[in-house]
Amino acid sequence: MKMNIPDDFPRVPSITSLPGSQPKVSVRLDATSGKYVGSSNEDAIGERYAVCIDLVEQLVAKCRRNRSTKYVELSEVQILERLLAQLLGTDWGSPAEMAWVIRKTAADLGWKIPDRAVVLNTLIGNSK
């Protein structure tokens, strides 16, 4: 099943070190297509996207469940900042993926991130 991965989902390039003085390109032979491909193929990106979508769904549910109790004293921006800090403390994905998770969580909740939330906007890569 082919996933429709949005254009704004991060596609982190892999870095490869190859010995020798001649220029090299890091590729692998895809057994299915018979073509040479870079290490970040669509299957790997699809797997990362599925993990991130699962995180978004969990965070949306958590925010809805805790908004009137545990998070009642916090602004939406503060909640998102806390969640981002927690995500960045894990190894569930790259910083770019975790920033995407927070942007998507905010969008799914209908929470607008104001321009004055400079720190959060900077951390999640919102260009204003």
Protein backbone atom coordinates (compact mmCIF):
# COMPACT_ATOMS: atom_id res chain seq x y z
CA MET A 1 0.00 0.00 0.00
CA LYS A 2 1.47 3.32 -1.06
CA MET A 3 1.24 6.13 1.48
CA ASN A 4 0.55 9.71 0.57
CA ILE A 5 3.39 11.37 2.43
CA PRO A 6 2.97 15.15 2.56
CA ASP A 7 5.63 17.34 0.96
CA ASP A 8 6.39 19.02 4.29
CA PHE A 9 7.38 15.72 5.95
CA PRO A 10 11.16 15.77 6.54
CA ARG A 11 13.28 13.61 4.34
CA VAL A 12 16.54 13.43 6.21
CA PRO A 13 19.46 12.54 3.96
CA SER A 14 21.75 9.84 5.19
CA ILE A 15 25.43 10.61 5.48
CA THR A 16 27.87 7.97 4.35
CA SER A 17 31.62 7.90 4.67
CA LEU A 18 33.50 6.06 1.96
CA PRO A 19 37.29 5.66 2.06
CA GLY A 20 39.63 6.68 -0.73
CA SER A 21 40.64 9.84 -2.54
CA GLN A 22 38.39 9.53 -5.60
CA PRO A 23 34.88 11.06 -5.52
CA LYS A 24 32.18 8.51 -4.66
CA VAL A 25 28.41 8.26 -4.49
CA SER A 26 26.74 6.13 -1.83
CA VAL A 27 23.98 4.03 -3.43
CA ARG A 28 22.63 0.52 -3.19
CA LEU A 29 21.09 -1.80 -5.72
CA ASP A 30 17.34 -2.16 -5.16
CA ALA A 31 16.54 -5.84 -5.76
CA THR A 32 12.95 -5.11 -6.75
CA SER A 33 13.52 -2.44 -9.37
CA GLY A 34 17.08 -3.35 -10.36
CA LYS A 35 18.01 0.33 -10.06
CA TYR A 36 20.59 2.03 -7.92
CA VAL A 37 18.98 4.11 -5.20
CA GLY A 38 20.17 6.35 -2.39
CA SER A 39 19.85 5.12 1.17
CA SER A 40 16.70 7.18 1.90
CA ASN A 41 14.15 5.36 -0.22
CA GLU A 42 10.39 5.80 -0.15
CA ASP A 43 9.87 2.66 1.96
CA ALA A 44 12.11 3.97 4.72
CA ILE A 45 10.44 7.38 4.56
CA GLY A 46 7.04 5.68 4.68
CA GLU A 47 8.07 3.78 7.82
CA ARG A 48 9.25 7.02 9.46
CA TYR A 49 6.03 8.77 8.42
CA ALA A 50 3.91 5.97 9.96
CA VAL A 51 5.80 6.31 13.26
CA CYS A 52 5.32 10.08 13.26
CA ILE A 53 1.61 9.86 12.42
CA ASP A 54 1.17 7.44 15.31
CA LEU A 55 2.89 9.96 17.61
CA VAL A 56 0.62 12.74 16.35
CA GLU A 57 -2.48 10.65 17.05
CA GLN A 58 -1.24 9.87 20.57
CA LEU A 59 -0.40 13.52 21.29
CA VAL A 60 -3.73 14.81 19.99
CA ALA A 61 -5.57 12.33 22.24
CA LYS A 62 -3.34 13.26 25.19
CA CYS A 63 -3.93 16.99 24.69
CA ARG A 64 -7.70 16.57 24.36
CA ARG A 65 -7.80 14.34 27.45
CA ASN A 66 -5.63 16.62 29.61
CA ARG A 67 -6.58 20.11 28.35
CA SER A 68 -9.13 20.76 31.09
CA THR A 69 -7.24 18.97 33.87
CA LYS A 70 -3.47 18.50 33.84
CA TYR A 71 -2.88 21.27 31.27
CA VAL A 72 -5.53 23.73 32.48
CA GLU A 73 -2.96 26.32 33.67
CA LEU A 74 -0.88 26.13 30.49
CA SER A 75 -1.32 27.94 27.19
CA GLU A 76 -1.44 25.93 23.99
CA VAL A 77 2.07 27.17 23.16
CA GLN A 78 3.38 26.01 26.54
CA ILE A 79 1.82 22.59 26.05
CA LEU A 80 3.41 22.25 22.60
CA GLU A 81 6.79 23.41 23.93
CA ARG A 82 6.67 20.79 26.69
CA LEU A 83 5.68 18.05 24.27
CA LEU A 84 8.49 19.03 21.88
CA ALA A 85 11.04 18.99 24.70
CA GLN A 86 9.85 15.51 25.70
CA LEU A 87 10.02 14.25 22.11
CA LEU A 88 13.51 15.67 21.59
CA GLY A 89 14.60 13.76 24.71
CA THR A 90 13.72 10.46 23.04
CA ASP A 91 15.27 8.69 20.08
CA TRP A 92 11.93 8.19 18.34
CA GLY A 93 12.98 10.31 15.37
CA SER A 94 15.14 13.10 14.12
CA PRO A 95 14.70 16.65 15.46
CA ALA A 96 13.13 17.58 12.10
CA GLU A 97 10.61 14.74 12.41
CA MET A 98 9.74 15.69 15.99
CA ALA A 99 9.23 19.33 14.93
CA TRP A 100 6.92 18.08 12.16
CA VAL A 101 5.00 16.01 14.74
CA ILE A 102 4.41 19.12 16.84
CA ARG A 103 3.31 21.21 13.83
CA LYS A 104 0.90 18.45 12.75
CA THR A 105 -0.40 17.99 16.31
CA ALA A 106 -1.13 21.71 16.59
CA ALA A 107 -2.88 21.69 13.20
CA ASP A 108 -4.98 18.63 14.05
CA LEU A 109 -6.04 20.25 17.33
CA GLY A 110 -6.85 23.51 15.55
CA TRP A 111 -4.33 25.36 17.70
CA LYS A 112 -2.79 28.41 16.10
CA ILE A 113 0.81 29.18 17.02
CA PRO A 114 1.05 32.97 17.28
CA ASP A 115 3.96 34.90 15.75
CA ARG A 116 4.97 36.05 19.25
CA ALA A 117 5.78 32.42 20.18
CA VAL A 118 9.26 33.00 18.77
CA VAL A 119 11.00 30.11 20.55
CA LEU A 120 8.44 27.50 19.54
CA ASN A 121 8.23 28.82 15.97
CA THR A 122 12.03 28.68 15.70
CA LEU A 123 12.27 25.17 17.13
CA ILE A 124 9.60 23.75 14.83
CA GLY A 125 10.79 25.63 11.77
CA ASN A 126 7.73 27.80 11.23
CA SER A 127 8.75 30.57 8.87
CA LYS A 128 6.74 33.69 9.42
